Protein backbone atom coordinates (compact mmCIF):
# COMPACT_ATOMS: atom_id res chain seq x y z
CA MET A 1 0.13 -0.06 0.01
CA ILE A 2 2.99 2.41 0.93
CA SER A 3 4.35 1.85 -2.52
CA ILE A 4 1.12 2.69 -4.31
CA ILE A 5 0.77 5.88 -2.23
CA SER A 6 4.13 7.08 -2.96
CA PHE A 7 3.68 6.08 -6.65
CA VAL A 8 0.57 8.11 -7.05
CA ALA A 9 2.05 11.03 -4.99
CA PHE A 10 5.22 11.39 -7.13
CA THR A 11 3.33 11.05 -10.40
CA ALA A 12 0.81 13.76 -9.33
CA MET A 13 3.39 16.07 -8.24
CA VAL A 14 5.22 15.88 -11.65
CA GLY A 15 1.91 16.67 -13.35
CA ILE A 16 0.96 19.66 -11.13
CA ILE A 17 4.39 21.27 -11.37
CA SER A 18 4.36 20.73 -15.27
CA TYR A 19 0.95 22.44 -15.30
CA PHE A 20 2.02 25.50 -13.39
CA ALA A 21 5.27 25.77 -15.44
CA THR A 22 3.52 25.90 -18.80
CA ARG A 23 0.06 27.49 -18.03
CA LYS A 24 1.37 30.75 -19.53
CA THR A 25 2.81 29.40 -22.71
CA ASP A 26 0.79 30.29 -25.80
CA GLU A 27 0.05 27.01 -27.36
CA ASN A 28 -2.23 28.29 -29.97
CA THR A 29 0.96 29.14 -32.03
CA SER A 30 3.25 26.63 -33.83
CA ASP A 31 6.28 27.86 -31.91
CA GLY A 32 4.39 27.91 -28.62
CA TYR A 33 3.04 24.29 -28.97
CA PHE A 34 5.64 22.46 -30.89
CA LEU A 35 8.78 24.17 -29.66
CA GLY A 36 7.79 25.60 -26.13
CA GLY A 37 8.09 29.06 -27.46
CA ARG A 38 11.83 28.63 -28.26
CA SER A 39 12.62 28.99 -24.66
CA LEU A 40 14.34 25.87 -23.39
CA THR A 41 17.49 26.22 -21.47
CA ALA A 42 20.47 23.92 -21.12
CA GLY A 43 19.39 22.17 -18.07
CA VAL A 44 15.78 21.43 -19.42
CA ILE A 45 17.30 20.41 -22.73
CA ALA A 46 19.61 17.85 -21.10
CA GLY A 47 16.97 16.46 -18.73
CA SER A 48 14.32 16.08 -21.65
CA LEU A 49 16.91 14.42 -23.81
CA LEU A 50 17.83 12.08 -21.17
CA LEU A 51 14.24 10.99 -20.49
CA THR A 52 13.15 11.02 -23.97
CA ASN A 53 15.93 8.42 -24.68
CA LEU A 54 16.13 6.58 -21.33
CA SER A 55 12.81 4.72 -21.22
CA THR A 56 11.92 1.24 -20.70
CA GLU A 57 12.71 -0.01 -24.04
CA GLN A 58 16.00 1.21 -23.14
CA ILE A 59 16.22 0.10 -19.41
CA VAL A 60 14.51 -3.18 -19.81
CA GLY A 61 15.82 -4.05 -23.27
CA LEU A 62 19.50 -3.04 -22.86
CA ASN A 63 19.72 -4.66 -19.43
CA GLY A 64 18.15 -7.59 -20.89
CA GLN A 65 20.94 -7.67 -23.69
CA ALA A 66 23.54 -7.19 -20.88
CA TYR A 67 22.11 -10.10 -18.96
CA ALA A 68 22.56 -12.33 -21.88
CA GLU A 69 25.95 -10.68 -23.53
CA GLY A 70 27.59 -8.71 -20.87
CA ILE A 71 29.08 -5.11 -20.99
CA LEU A 72 29.99 -5.07 -24.75
CA VAL A 73 26.17 -3.70 -25.23
CA MET A 74 27.35 -0.62 -23.52
CA ALA A 75 28.11 0.69 -26.99
CA TRP A 76 24.51 1.86 -27.48
CA GLU A 77 25.39 4.35 -24.48
CA THR A 78 28.93 5.34 -24.63
CA LEU A 79 28.98 5.79 -28.40
CA ALA A 80 25.82 7.97 -28.13
CA ALA A 81 27.98 10.64 -26.45
CA ILE A 82 30.24 11.04 -29.42
CA ALA A 83 27.13 11.24 -31.69
CA ILE A 84 25.79 14.03 -29.46
CA VAL A 85 29.03 15.96 -29.72
CA VAL A 86 28.90 15.87 -33.47
CA THR A 87 25.30 17.02 -33.36
CA ALA A 88 26.29 19.94 -31.02
CA LEU A 89 29.42 21.05 -33.13
CA TYR A 90 27.92 20.43 -36.66
CA LEU A 91 24.30 19.98 -37.05
CA LEU A 92 22.78 22.23 -34.30
CA PRO A 93 24.19 25.44 -35.59
CA ARG A 94 22.78 24.84 -39.03
CA TYR A 95 19.48 23.61 -37.74
CA LEU A 96 18.96 27.01 -35.57
CA LYS A 97 20.36 29.04 -38.45
CA SER A 98 17.33 27.99 -40.56
CA GLY A 99 15.01 28.46 -37.61
CA LEU A 100 13.70 24.86 -37.99
CA THR A 101 10.66 23.30 -36.29
CA THR A 102 11.26 19.90 -37.85
CA VAL A 103 14.03 18.26 -39.68
CA PRO A 104 12.07 17.45 -42.62
CA THR A 105 11.66 21.27 -42.97
CA PHE A 106 15.37 21.61 -43.97
CA LEU A 107 14.82 18.98 -46.59
CA ALA A 108 12.03 21.11 -48.09
CA ASN A 109 14.53 24.07 -48.28
CA ARG A 110 17.42 21.89 -49.71
CA PHE A 111 15.46 19.86 -51.99
CA ASP A 112 11.67 20.15 -52.26
CA VAL A 113 8.38 19.83 -50.60
CA SER A 114 7.73 16.40 -51.80
CA THR A 115 11.04 15.20 -50.36
CA LYS A 116 10.00 16.70 -46.92
CA THR A 117 6.58 14.92 -47.16
CA MET A 118 8.26 11.56 -47.93
CA THR A 119 10.50 11.99 -45.13
CA SER A 120 7.81 12.94 -42.53
CA ALA A 121 5.73 9.90 -43.66
CA LEU A 122 8.61 7.50 -43.13
CA PHE A 123 9.24 9.07 -39.69
CA LEU A 124 5.60 8.83 -38.76
CA THR A 125 5.38 4.93 -40.12
CA GLY A 126 8.33 4.08 -37.93
CA TYR A 127 7.01 5.84 -34.95
CA VAL A 128 3.37 4.05 -34.97
CA VAL A 129 4.61 0.70 -36.13
CA VAL A 130 7.78 0.29 -34.31
CA LEU A 131 8.71 2.82 -31.66
CA LEU A 132 5.43 3.73 -29.99
CA PRO A 133 4.39 0.11 -29.59
CA VAL A 134 7.73 -0.90 -28.18
CA ILE A 135 7.66 2.02 -25.52
CA LEU A 136 4.31 1.08 -24.44
CA TYR A 137 5.11 -2.95 -24.38
CA SER A 138 8.35 -2.63 -22.58
CA GLY A 139 6.87 -0.12 -19.96
CA SER A 140 4.03 -2.27 -19.51
CA LEU A 141 6.22 -5.19 -18.91
CA ALA A 142 8.22 -3.20 -16.37
CA VAL A 143 5.06 -1.71 -14.33
CA SER A 144 3.35 -5.17 -14.55
CA GLY A 145 6.43 -6.96 -13.05
CA MET A 146 7.29 -4.34 -10.43
CA PHE A 147 3.67 -4.27 -8.91
CA ASN A 148 2.91 -7.92 -9.77
CA ILE A 149 -0.28 -6.43 -11.42
CA PRO A 150 -1.73 -10.04 -12.31
CA GLU A 151 -1.69 -10.97 -8.69
CA MET A 152 -3.07 -7.58 -7.59
CA LEU A 153 -5.95 -7.41 -9.92
CA ASN A 154 -6.43 -11.16 -10.24
CA VAL A 155 -6.03 -11.24 -14.02
CA THR A 156 -3.88 -13.26 -16.49
CA ASP A 157 -0.37 -11.94 -17.63
CA ASN A 158 -1.85 -11.11 -20.95
CA GLN A 159 -4.73 -9.06 -19.36
CA ALA A 160 -2.44 -7.25 -17.17
CA LEU A 161 -0.36 -6.29 -20.09
CA TRP A 162 -3.38 -4.78 -21.96
CA ILE A 163 -4.39 -2.91 -18.71
CA CYS A 164 -0.84 -1.42 -18.39
CA VAL A 165 -0.68 -0.59 -22.18
CA TRP A 166 -3.71 1.51 -22.07
CA GLY A 167 -3.18 3.13 -18.74
CA ILE A 168 0.37 4.33 -19.86
CA GLY A 169 -1.01 5.30 -23.35
CA ILE A 170 -3.85 7.40 -22.14
CA ILE A 171 -1.80 9.31 -19.56
CA GLY A 172 1.02 9.73 -21.93
CA ALA A 173 -1.14 11.00 -24.76
CA ILE A 174 -2.79 13.52 -22.38
CA TYR A 175 0.78 15.00 -21.63
CA ALA A 176 1.92 15.14 -25.25
CA VAL A 177 -1.37 15.97 -27.25
CA PHE A 178 -2.95 18.44 -24.89
CA GLY A 179 0.28 19.87 -23.14
CA GLY A 180 2.59 20.56 -25.98
CA LEU A 181 6.38 20.18 -25.90
CA LYS A 182 6.96 22.43 -22.92
CA ALA A 183 4.83 20.20 -20.67
CA VAL A 184 6.82 17.22 -22.02
CA ALA A 185 10.17 18.84 -21.28
CA VAL A 186 9.29 20.16 -17.82
CA SER A 187 8.11 16.89 -16.63
CA ASP A 188 11.03 15.17 -18.26
CA SER A 189 13.30 17.32 -16.40
CA ILE A 190 11.74 16.48 -13.00
CA ASN A 191 11.76 12.76 -13.90
CA ALA A 192 15.52 13.19 -15.01
CA VAL A 193 16.47 13.64 -11.44
CA GLY A 194 14.45 10.94 -10.02
CA LEU A 195 15.52 8.42 -12.72
CA LEU A 196 19.27 9.28 -11.98
CA VAL A 197 18.97 8.78 -8.32
CA GLY A 198 16.59 5.70 -8.56
CA GLY A 199 18.62 4.31 -11.49
CA LEU A 200 21.71 4.47 -9.46
CA LEU A 201 20.10 2.90 -6.52
CA ILE A 202 19.42 -0.58 -8.42
CA PRO A 203 22.97 -1.31 -8.86
CA VAL A 204 23.81 -0.41 -5.48
CA PHE A 205 21.38 -2.41 -3.80
CA GLY A 206 22.19 -5.20 -6.05
CA LEU A 207 25.90 -5.32 -5.49
CA MET A 208 25.00 -5.17 -1.76
CA ALA A 209 22.67 -8.08 -2.21
CA LEU A 210 25.52 -10.08 -3.96
CA GLY A 211 28.26 -9.10 -1.30
CA ASP A 212 26.04 -9.75 1.83
CA GLY A 213 25.89 -5.85 2.51
CA SER A 214 29.17 -4.94 1.01
CA MET A 215 29.25 -3.20 -2.37
CA GLY A 216 32.77 -3.76 -2.76
CA GLU A 217 32.63 -7.60 -2.04
CA GLY A 218 29.58 -7.49 -4.62
CA ILE A 219 31.70 -6.14 -7.41
CA ASN A 220 34.64 -8.51 -6.54
CA ILE A 221 32.10 -11.42 -6.87
CA LEU A 222 30.54 -10.17 -10.07
CA MET A 223 33.86 -9.70 -11.90
CA ARG A 224 35.65 -12.80 -10.40
CA GLU A 225 32.81 -15.17 -11.37
CA ASN A 226 31.69 -13.58 -14.60
CA PRO A 227 34.93 -12.11 -16.32
CA GLU A 228 33.49 -12.80 -19.89
CA LYS A 229 30.65 -10.28 -18.95
CA PHE A 230 33.30 -7.44 -18.80
CA ASN A 231 34.75 -7.87 -22.29
CA SER A 232 33.92 -4.88 -24.37
CA ILE A 233 35.02 -6.54 -27.56
CA GLY A 234 32.92 -9.59 -27.55
CA SER A 235 33.01 -12.59 -29.93
CA LYS A 236 31.96 -12.83 -33.34
CA THR A 237 28.66 -14.52 -32.59
CA ALA A 238 27.85 -11.26 -30.35
CA SER A 239 24.82 -8.90 -31.24
CA ILE A 240 27.49 -6.11 -31.59
CA PRO A 241 30.77 -7.43 -33.31
CA PHE A 242 33.46 -5.01 -32.23
CA HIS A 243 34.09 -3.79 -35.70
CA THR A 244 30.55 -2.58 -36.23
CA ILE A 245 31.05 0.20 -33.62
CA PHE A 246 33.02 2.00 -36.50
CA THR A 247 30.31 1.08 -39.17
CA GLY A 248 26.64 0.94 -38.60
CA MET A 249 26.80 1.69 -34.83
CA MET A 250 27.95 5.39 -35.36
CA LEU A 251 25.48 5.91 -38.28
CA VAL A 252 22.65 4.73 -36.15
CA GLN A 253 23.74 7.04 -33.30
CA LEU A 254 24.15 9.97 -35.60
CA PHE A 255 20.66 9.43 -37.01
CA TYR A 256 19.23 9.02 -33.43
CA TRP A 257 20.89 11.99 -31.84
CA GLY A 258 21.19 14.34 -34.88
CA THR A 259 18.31 13.83 -37.28
CA ASN A 260 15.47 11.99 -35.37
CA GLN A 261 12.93 14.37 -34.83
CA GLN A 262 11.71 12.85 -31.48
CA ILE A 263 15.26 13.89 -30.05
CA ILE A 264 16.48 16.91 -31.85
CA GLN A 265 13.15 18.78 -31.14
CA ARG A 266 14.38 19.49 -27.78
CA ALA A 267 17.78 21.23 -28.97
CA LEU A 268 15.44 23.07 -31.98
CA ALA A 269 13.42 24.76 -28.99
CA ALA A 270 16.68 26.14 -27.50
CA LYS A 271 16.47 29.93 -26.76
CA ASN A 272 19.74 30.18 -28.62
CA LEU A 273 22.63 28.19 -29.88
CA LYS A 274 24.82 28.49 -26.71
CA GLU A 275 22.07 26.91 -24.48
CA GLY A 276 21.56 24.32 -27.09
CA GLN A 277 25.12 23.17 -27.12
CA LYS A 278 25.44 23.51 -23.40
CA GLY A 279 22.37 21.21 -23.09
CA LEU A 280 23.63 18.72 -25.61
CA MET A 281 27.16 18.59 -23.82
CA LEU A 282 25.63 18.07 -20.56
CA ALA A 283 23.53 15.13 -22.06
CA ALA A 284 26.62 13.64 -23.55
CA PHE A 285 28.56 13.60 -20.20
CA ILE A 286 25.39 11.99 -18.69
CA LYS A 287 25.11 9.15 -21.41
CA ILE A 288 28.76 8.20 -20.52
CA LEU A 289 27.34 7.04 -17.05
CA GLY A 290 24.34 5.34 -18.76
CA PRO A 291 25.91 1.82 -18.59
CA ILE A 292 25.75 2.09 -14.80
CA ILE A 293 22.05 2.20 -15.34
CA VAL A 294 21.08 0.28 -18.31
CA VAL A 295 23.92 -2.42 -18.55
CA LEU A 296 25.37 -3.11 -14.85
CA PRO A 297 22.11 -4.18 -13.34
CA GLY A 298 21.59 -6.74 -16.14
CA ILE A 299 24.93 -8.12 -15.38
CA ILE A 300 24.05 -8.21 -11.66
CA ALA A 301 20.72 -10.11 -12.37
CA TYR A 302 22.91 -12.70 -14.35
CA GLN A 303 24.83 -13.47 -11.14
CA TYR A 304 21.95 -12.88 -8.77
CA PHE A 305 19.66 -15.44 -10.56
CA LYS A 306 22.19 -17.89 -11.79
CA ALA A 307 21.90 -20.05 -8.84
CA ASP A 308 18.12 -20.54 -9.53
CA GLY A 309 18.82 -21.65 -12.98
CA GLY A 310 18.37 -18.14 -14.73
CA LEU A 311 15.54 -16.44 -15.93
CA GLU A 312 13.08 -17.56 -18.52
CA THR A 313 13.44 -14.34 -20.63
CA ALA A 314 16.39 -11.89 -20.67
CA ASP A 315 14.07 -8.95 -20.87
CA ALA A 316 12.68 -10.08 -17.46
CA ALA A 317 16.27 -9.33 -15.73
CA TYR A 318 15.59 -5.69 -14.82
CA PRO A 319 12.09 -5.86 -13.39
CA MET A 320 12.77 -9.03 -11.46
CA LEU A 321 16.02 -7.48 -9.86
CA VAL A 322 14.25 -4.44 -8.89
CA ASN A 323 11.73 -6.71 -7.23
CA ALA A 324 14.49 -8.78 -5.49
CA VAL A 325 16.79 -6.03 -4.30
CA LEU A 326 14.76 -2.64 -3.76
CA PRO A 327 13.48 -2.00 -0.29
CA ALA A 328 9.77 -2.10 -0.24
CA SER A 329 9.78 1.57 0.91
CA LEU A 330 11.60 2.80 -2.27
CA LEU A 331 9.55 0.65 -4.63
CA GLY A 332 6.75 3.03 -5.09
CA PHE A 333 9.11 5.95 -5.77
CA PHE A 334 11.23 4.21 -8.25
CA ALA A 335 8.13 2.63 -9.99
CA ALA A 336 6.86 6.53 -10.35
CA VAL A 337 10.27 7.44 -11.65
CA LEU A 338 10.29 4.71 -14.15
CA PHE A 339 6.80 5.43 -15.02
CA GLY A 340 7.83 8.92 -15.77
CA ALA A 341 10.53 7.43 -18.04
CA ILE A 342 7.94 5.36 -19.97
CA LEU A 343 5.70 8.53 -20.44
CA SER A 344 8.48 10.53 -21.41
CA SER A 345 9.61 8.53 -24.20
CA PHE A 346 5.93 7.78 -25.24
CA ASN A 347 4.86 11.41 -24.96
CA SER A 348 7.95 12.71 -26.73
CA VAL A 349 7.60 10.55 -29.75
CA LEU A 350 3.85 11.35 -29.80
CA ASN A 351 4.54 15.04 -29.62
CA SER A 352 7.14 14.81 -32.33
CA SER A 353 4.58 12.85 -34.59
CA VAL A 354 1.92 15.58 -33.91
CA THR A 355 4.59 18.20 -35.02
CA LEU A 356 5.46 16.33 -38.18
CA PHE A 357 1.93 15.89 -39.15
CA GLY A 358 0.65 19.37 -38.35
CA ILE A 359 3.48 21.21 -39.94
CA ASP A 360 4.67 18.86 -42.95
CA ILE A 361 1.62 17.36 -43.87
CA TYR A 362 -1.56 19.12 -42.70
CA LYS A 363 -0.29 22.53 -43.28
CA GLN A 364 1.73 21.64 -46.55
CA HIS A 365 -0.92 19.30 -48.28
CA ILE A 366 -4.42 19.28 -46.54
CA ASN A 367 -5.10 22.93 -45.61
CA LYS A 368 -2.57 25.20 -46.97
CA ASP A 369 -4.50 28.25 -45.77
CA ALA A 370 -4.91 27.00 -42.08
CA ASP A 371 -3.93 29.30 -39.38
CA GLU A 372 -1.66 28.30 -36.56
CA LYS A 373 -4.46 27.43 -34.23
CA THR A 374 -6.05 25.01 -36.76
CA VAL A 375 -2.63 23.37 -37.40
CA VAL A 376 -2.30 22.56 -33.60
CA LYS A 377 -5.89 21.52 -33.39
CA TYR A 378 -5.61 18.92 -36.25
CA GLY A 379 -2.07 17.90 -34.95
CA LYS A 380 -3.86 16.92 -31.69
CA ILE A 381 -6.56 15.07 -33.34
CA PHE A 382 -3.89 12.97 -35.41
CA GLY A 383 -1.90 12.46 -32.09
CA THR A 384 -4.92 10.97 -30.45
CA ILE A 385 -5.44 8.60 -33.20
CA LEU A 386 -1.79 7.55 -33.34
CA ALA A 387 -1.79 7.05 -29.66
CA ILE A 388 -4.86 4.61 -29.95
CA ALA A 389 -3.22 2.92 -32.76
CA ALA A 390 -0.01 2.11 -30.73
CA MET A 391 -1.98 0.94 -27.87
CA PHE A 392 -3.64 -1.80 -30.12
CA ILE A 393 -0.14 -2.86 -31.63
CA ALA A 394 1.94 -2.87 -28.44
CA PRO A 395 0.48 -6.34 -26.79
CA LEU A 396 1.19 -8.00 -30.29
CA LEU A 397 4.99 -7.49 -29.56
CA GLN A 398 5.07 -10.35 -26.92
CA ASN A 399 6.75 -12.79 -29.28
CA ALA A 400 9.27 -10.27 -30.87
CA GLY A 401 12.37 -11.58 -29.03
CA SER A 402 14.99 -9.08 -27.70
CA LEU A 403 13.21 -5.68 -27.46
CA PHE A 404 16.09 -3.52 -27.98
CA ASN A 405 17.68 -5.62 -30.82
CA TYR A 406 14.24 -5.76 -32.63
CA LEU A 407 13.93 -1.97 -32.24
CA GLN A 408 17.40 -1.08 -33.63
CA GLU A 409 17.16 -3.61 -36.59
CA VAL A 410 13.59 -2.55 -37.63
CA ASN A 411 14.52 1.19 -37.31
CA GLY A 412 16.99 0.65 -40.11
CA ILE A 413 14.26 0.72 -42.61
CA TYR A 414 13.82 4.48 -42.22
CA SER A 415 16.92 5.64 -40.18
CA ILE A 416 19.71 5.14 -42.64
CA PRO A 417 17.76 6.56 -45.88
CA ILE A 418 16.79 9.69 -43.83
CA LEU A 419 20.39 10.13 -42.43
CA THR A 420 21.76 9.69 -46.15
CA ILE A 421 19.86 12.49 -47.71
CA ILE A 422 20.40 14.71 -44.73
CA VAL A 423 24.35 14.34 -44.89
CA VAL A 424 24.19 14.84 -48.69
CA GLY A 425 21.97 17.83 -48.22
CA PHE A 426 24.41 19.51 -45.73
CA THR A 427 27.58 18.50 -47.37
CA THR A 428 26.71 19.39 -51.13
CA THR A 429 25.01 22.22 -52.97
CA ARG A 430 24.18 20.88 -56.39
CA VAL A 431 22.68 17.47 -55.59
CA PRO A 432 18.84 17.65 -56.94
CA ALA A 433 15.53 16.96 -55.27
CA ILE A 434 15.08 13.51 -57.51
CA ALA A 435 18.36 12.14 -56.02
CA ALA A 436 16.89 12.57 -52.38
CA LYS A 437 13.47 10.83 -53.48
CA ILE A 438 15.57 7.80 -55.08
CA GLY A 439 17.84 7.85 -52.06
CA LEU A 440 14.85 7.52 -49.71
CA LEU A 441 13.20 4.74 -51.61
CA SER A 442 16.41 2.87 -52.66
CA GLY A 443 17.55 2.88 -49.04
CA SER A 444 14.51 1.45 -47.63
CA LEU A 445 13.64 -1.04 -50.10
CA LEU A 446 17.21 -2.41 -50.21
CA TYR A 447 17.55 -2.55 -46.53
CA ILE A 448 14.06 -4.50 -46.36
CA ILE A 449 15.26 -6.92 -49.08
CA SER A 450 18.71 -7.51 -47.65
CA GLN A 451 17.81 -7.86 -43.92
CA PHE A 452 14.44 -9.65 -43.96
CA VAL A 453 14.60 -11.52 -47.29
CA LEU A 454 18.09 -12.33 -48.13
CA GLN A 455 19.57 -12.68 -44.72
CA PRO A 456 17.15 -15.43 -43.58
CA TYR A 457 17.68 -17.17 -46.94
CA PHE A 458 21.35 -17.56 -46.33
CA VAL A 459 21.16 -18.32 -42.70
CA ASP A 460 18.51 -21.15 -43.33
CA LYS A 461 20.73 -22.60 -46.05
CA ALA A 462 23.85 -22.63 -43.95
CA MET A 463 21.99 -24.19 -40.89
CA THR A 464 20.34 -26.87 -43.23
CA LYS A 465 23.66 -27.56 -44.73
CA ALA A 466 25.12 -27.96 -40.96
CA GLU A 467 22.36 -30.27 -40.00
CA ALA A 468 22.81 -32.51 -43.12
CA ALA A 469 26.64 -32.77 -42.22
CA GLY A 470 25.49 -34.14 -38.69
CA ILE A 471 26.77 -31.12 -36.71
CA THR A 472 25.02 -31.00 -33.30
CA ASP A 473 27.46 -28.80 -31.17
CA ALA A 474 25.72 -25.75 -29.98
CA GLN A 475 28.72 -23.55 -30.19
CA MET A 476 29.69 -24.69 -33.63
CA LEU A 477 26.15 -23.95 -34.91
CA ALA A 478 26.19 -20.75 -33.48
CA GLU A 479 29.52 -19.84 -35.31
CA ILE A 480 28.21 -21.34 -38.60
CA LYS A 481 25.12 -19.18 -38.24
CA ALA A 482 27.08 -15.98 -37.39
CA ASP A 483 29.41 -16.76 -40.49
CA ALA A 484 26.28 -16.80 -42.75
CA TYR A 485 24.63 -13.64 -40.91
CA TRP A 486 25.74 -10.30 -42.03
CA PRO A 487 25.43 -8.16 -38.96
CA TYR A 488 22.36 -5.55 -39.57
CA LEU A 489 24.77 -2.71 -38.67
CA ASP A 490 26.98 -3.62 -41.51
CA VAL A 491 24.05 -3.79 -43.66
CA MET A 492 23.29 -0.28 -42.77
CA ALA A 493 26.72 1.06 -43.34
CA ALA A 494 26.98 -0.70 -46.61
CA LEU A 495 23.77 0.63 -47.83
CA PHE A 496 24.69 4.19 -46.52
CA VAL A 497 27.69 4.28 -48.74
CA VAL A 498 25.73 2.79 -51.71
CA ASN A 499 22.91 5.55 -51.31
CA ILE A 500 25.38 8.26 -51.04
CA ILE A 501 27.19 7.17 -54.38
CA ILE A 502 23.78 6.96 -56.16
CA MET A 503 22.93 10.42 -55.02
CA LEU A 504 26.26 11.97 -55.89
CA ILE A 505 26.05 10.26 -59.52
CA ILE A 506 22.63 11.73 -59.96
CA GLY A 507 23.88 15.07 -58.87
CA LYS A 508 26.76 14.85 -61.40
CA VAL A 509 24.57 13.90 -64.32
CA ARG A 510 21.57 16.14 -63.47
CA PRO A 511 22.70 18.95 -60.84
CA ARG A 512 20.41 21.75 -59.49
CA PRO A 513 20.29 24.64 -61.82
CA GLU A 514 21.65 26.83 -58.80
CA PRO A 515 23.60 25.81 -55.79
CA TYR A 516 21.67 25.76 -52.41
CA VAL A 517 22.64 28.54 -50.01
CA GLN A 518 21.35 28.31 -46.58
CA GLU A 519 19.84 31.50 -45.26
CA TYR A 520 19.96 32.88 -41.70
CA THR A 521 16.35 33.47 -40.25
CA LYS A 522 17.48 35.29 -37.23
CA GLN A 523 14.83 33.51 -35.17
CA VAL A 524 17.47 32.79 -32.41
CA ASP A 525 20.93 33.85 -31.60
CA ILE A 526 23.41 31.24 -33.25
CA THR A 527 26.76 32.58 -31.29
CA PRO A 528 28.17 29.34 -30.26
CA TRP A 529 29.20 28.33 -26.69
CA LYS A 530 33.03 29.19 -26.28
CA HIS A 531 33.82 25.95 -24.48
CA VAL A 532 31.96 23.55 -26.77
CA ARG A 533 34.92 22.18 -28.44
CA ILE A 534 36.85 21.59 -25.32
CA ALA A 535 33.80 19.66 -23.73
CA GLY A 536 33.43 17.58 -26.84
CA LEU A 537 37.13 16.58 -26.86
CA LEU A 538 36.87 15.58 -23.20
CA VAL A 539 33.86 13.48 -23.94
CA VAL A 540 35.54 11.56 -26.77
CA VAL A 541 38.70 10.90 -24.49
CA ILE A 542 36.43 9.42 -21.63
CA VAL A 543 34.80 7.11 -24.23
CA VAL A 544 37.99 5.92 -25.86
CA SER A 545 39.49 5.33 -22.28
CA THR A 546 36.33 3.29 -21.09
CA TYR A 547 36.92 0.87 -24.06
CA ILE A 548 40.47 0.52 -23.36
CA TYR A 549 39.89 -0.36 -19.68
CA PHE A 550 37.33 -2.94 -20.59
CA ARG A 551 39.02 -4.36 -23.60
């Protein structure tokens, strides 16, 4: 009962503070609703970025991967810091110079309106089919596991999942659709503090549980009995072969932190470039600490549950560890913080979807004469429909396998094509709009064919041949499968290069009549933060040192 009361109290407090912090913002204008009036400061930007990214698909999914594979999965966290640095130094100054509300708006200026529309449609498709359902499903899995919802409500696991999905979805939609970006960002910032505190408590209590009250002894036991879990390089059968951090991994990170509307919208809402760069750099330093929250608990869970024969599914590692080691008096607070993280990612994606639809589709194609109040109104209607669709899709992910791996692999359908045309758009001046359209279509189709048609064919062929040869050793079969499987991160890197070559060839054959020149709209001051390069270099040095230590 205490945990339920503390959960409700903390959640209500966040909602009340967010309401009072945003009640004076004019949300009948595009800047007011979609960008919080371009008023966000460094601390709010960093907190919102952290919570938007660090939700249960990250906490549950990545800890699940760490349970199975160990510290090598920290690449998703540590390399993100480098991508954020690149965004702060290179992309954000260009975004703010054009006064962008959405990333696809740049594509309209650089190429044409139809390129912008195609990109927005790709974003929206990925959000509703992949990202929103995964966030809802992983969040429901965590909430149901921590509060033992099936037993509490006397329902089946499947019924509990549906209840949690719709509860989280409805509350998240209220924040995102009716509160606008500033409500999302303020609630994110409050929850960010709670998540950092609560997230750090889990490995502390977990290590103490392993070491009979001693954190130091817990660390010794963990590293002594599981040295293979602390190898950042991994084997060739790992989900992240070491070489892929130099190929597709960096491309995925650059797309996510530099071009993904869900994330970059926080930086686009900065009051000036200086505050935006400060916020991004603060977020980069926090991401370096990310493995303590989203990787270490998974390894602790592996050791903790090993004596009982392990867990049925790796994705259950985090909620099960929380249940096992967190004192009952803190469970409600942590559940509320985690609930805030779930809402943050859900409502952030939803708010970005509303932005993309309202500005890039409704205003552009459906009602060109609509005033800003009408654009916001129909954006909210679209967001409501999107939320309901995601709530129906989420429970269907129960048999999707590793949540985090599934999310990253499927995201490649739209992430790499979009990153390709943005990179070419910023680095060239003569490549025409037709090249961008072909790049989007070829990138998506080639990835689908290579990853979901050819890959299964060659893997099945290799495994059938191995079975015919009488090979039964599990390790040998795993290596044969790994040899036949081209990691999706490598597929992304290869297609990125192919797409760029295609676009450059088209640009050579059919160049733009006039070179593209970016204009400064003067909506915000773009004077850079004087310490941004030093801060960026420090981030890179820390990341490289981390890999050297755990090699």
